[in-house]
Amino acid sequence: MTIKAINVRNQFKGTIKEIVIGDVLSEIDVQTAAGVVTSVITTRSVRELELQVGSEVIAFVKSTEVSIAKL
């Protein structure tokens, strides 16, 4: 599969650092230049995408809300 275009602007290329497999949902930790990004996706998707530790991936972040807290 080749992605020709996508409307998500926040994209982080990285490598899968850890996968925590669950019955229905799984956690994927991706090491990026900006730090670790964690995604929760279906375990079915993990299998279908053949994701494994060391796989190179792109984490797409799309949010309708971003909160800010003053330190």
Protein backbone atom coordinates (compact mmCIF):
# COMPACT_ATOMS: atom_id res chain seq x y z
CA MET A 1 0.00 0.00 0.00
CA THR A 2 1.23 3.47 -0.86
CA ILE A 3 -0.10 6.63 0.77
CA LYS A 4 -0.34 9.39 -1.83
CA ALA A 5 -1.82 12.08 0.39
CA ILE A 6 -3.26 12.49 3.87
CA ASN A 7 -4.77 15.49 5.63
CA VAL A 8 -3.13 14.86 9.02
CA ARG A 9 -0.37 17.42 9.52
CA ASN A 10 1.18 16.06 12.72
CA GLN A 11 3.24 13.10 11.53
CA PHE A 12 6.04 11.47 13.48
CA LYS A 13 8.27 8.91 11.78
CA GLY A 14 9.68 6.38 14.18
CA THR A 15 10.39 2.82 15.16
CA ILE A 16 8.16 0.57 17.25
CA LYS A 17 9.78 0.26 20.67
CA GLU A 18 7.21 -1.89 22.46
CA ILE A 19 3.88 -3.61 21.79
CA VAL A 20 1.54 -4.59 24.62
CA ILE A 21 -0.95 -7.04 23.14
CA GLY A 22 -4.46 -7.23 24.60
CA ASP A 23 -7.46 -9.35 23.70
CA VAL A 24 -9.14 -6.53 21.76
CA LEU A 25 -6.88 -3.46 22.03
CA SER A 26 -3.09 -3.16 21.98
CA GLU A 27 -0.67 -0.38 22.95
CA ILE A 28 2.05 0.56 20.49
CA ASP A 29 5.01 2.66 21.69
CA VAL A 30 6.80 4.43 18.84
CA GLN A 31 10.20 6.02 19.42
CA THR A 32 10.37 9.27 17.43
CA ALA A 33 12.81 12.16 17.34
CA ALA A 34 10.31 14.09 19.50
CA GLY A 35 10.07 11.28 22.09
CA VAL A 36 7.83 8.26 22.56
CA VAL A 37 4.34 8.38 21.04
CA THR A 38 1.86 5.77 22.29
CA SER A 39 -1.09 4.62 20.23
CA VAL A 40 -3.94 2.32 21.22
CA ILE A 41 -5.22 0.36 18.23
CA THR A 42 -7.13 -2.86 17.75
CA THR A 43 -5.17 -6.07 18.13
CA ARG A 44 -6.65 -7.09 14.79
CA SER A 45 -4.93 -4.09 13.17
CA VAL A 46 -1.62 -5.03 14.79
CA ARG A 47 -1.89 -8.45 13.15
CA GLU A 48 -3.14 -7.19 9.77
CA LEU A 49 -0.37 -4.55 9.57
CA GLU A 50 2.15 -7.18 10.74
CA LEU A 51 3.52 -4.72 13.31
CA GLN A 52 6.43 -5.81 15.44
CA VAL A 53 9.15 -4.27 17.57
CA GLY A 54 11.64 -2.61 15.22
CA SER A 55 9.11 -1.87 12.45
CA GLU A 56 9.45 1.60 10.93
CA VAL A 57 6.12 3.44 11.07
CA ILE A 58 4.56 6.88 10.93
CA ALA A 59 2.40 7.99 13.86
CA PHE A 60 -0.36 10.34 12.70
CA VAL A 61 -1.80 12.61 15.38
CA LYS A 62 -5.10 14.33 14.72
CA SER A 63 -6.94 16.03 17.52
CA THR A 64 -9.95 18.25 17.72
CA GLU A 65 -8.77 19.60 21.06
CA VAL A 66 -5.37 20.52 22.47
CA SER A 67 -5.21 21.58 26.11
CA ILE A 68 -2.54 23.88 27.54
CA ALA A 69 -1.47 24.14 31.18
CA LYS A 70 0.77 26.88 32.57
CA LEU A 71 3.76 25.60 34.52
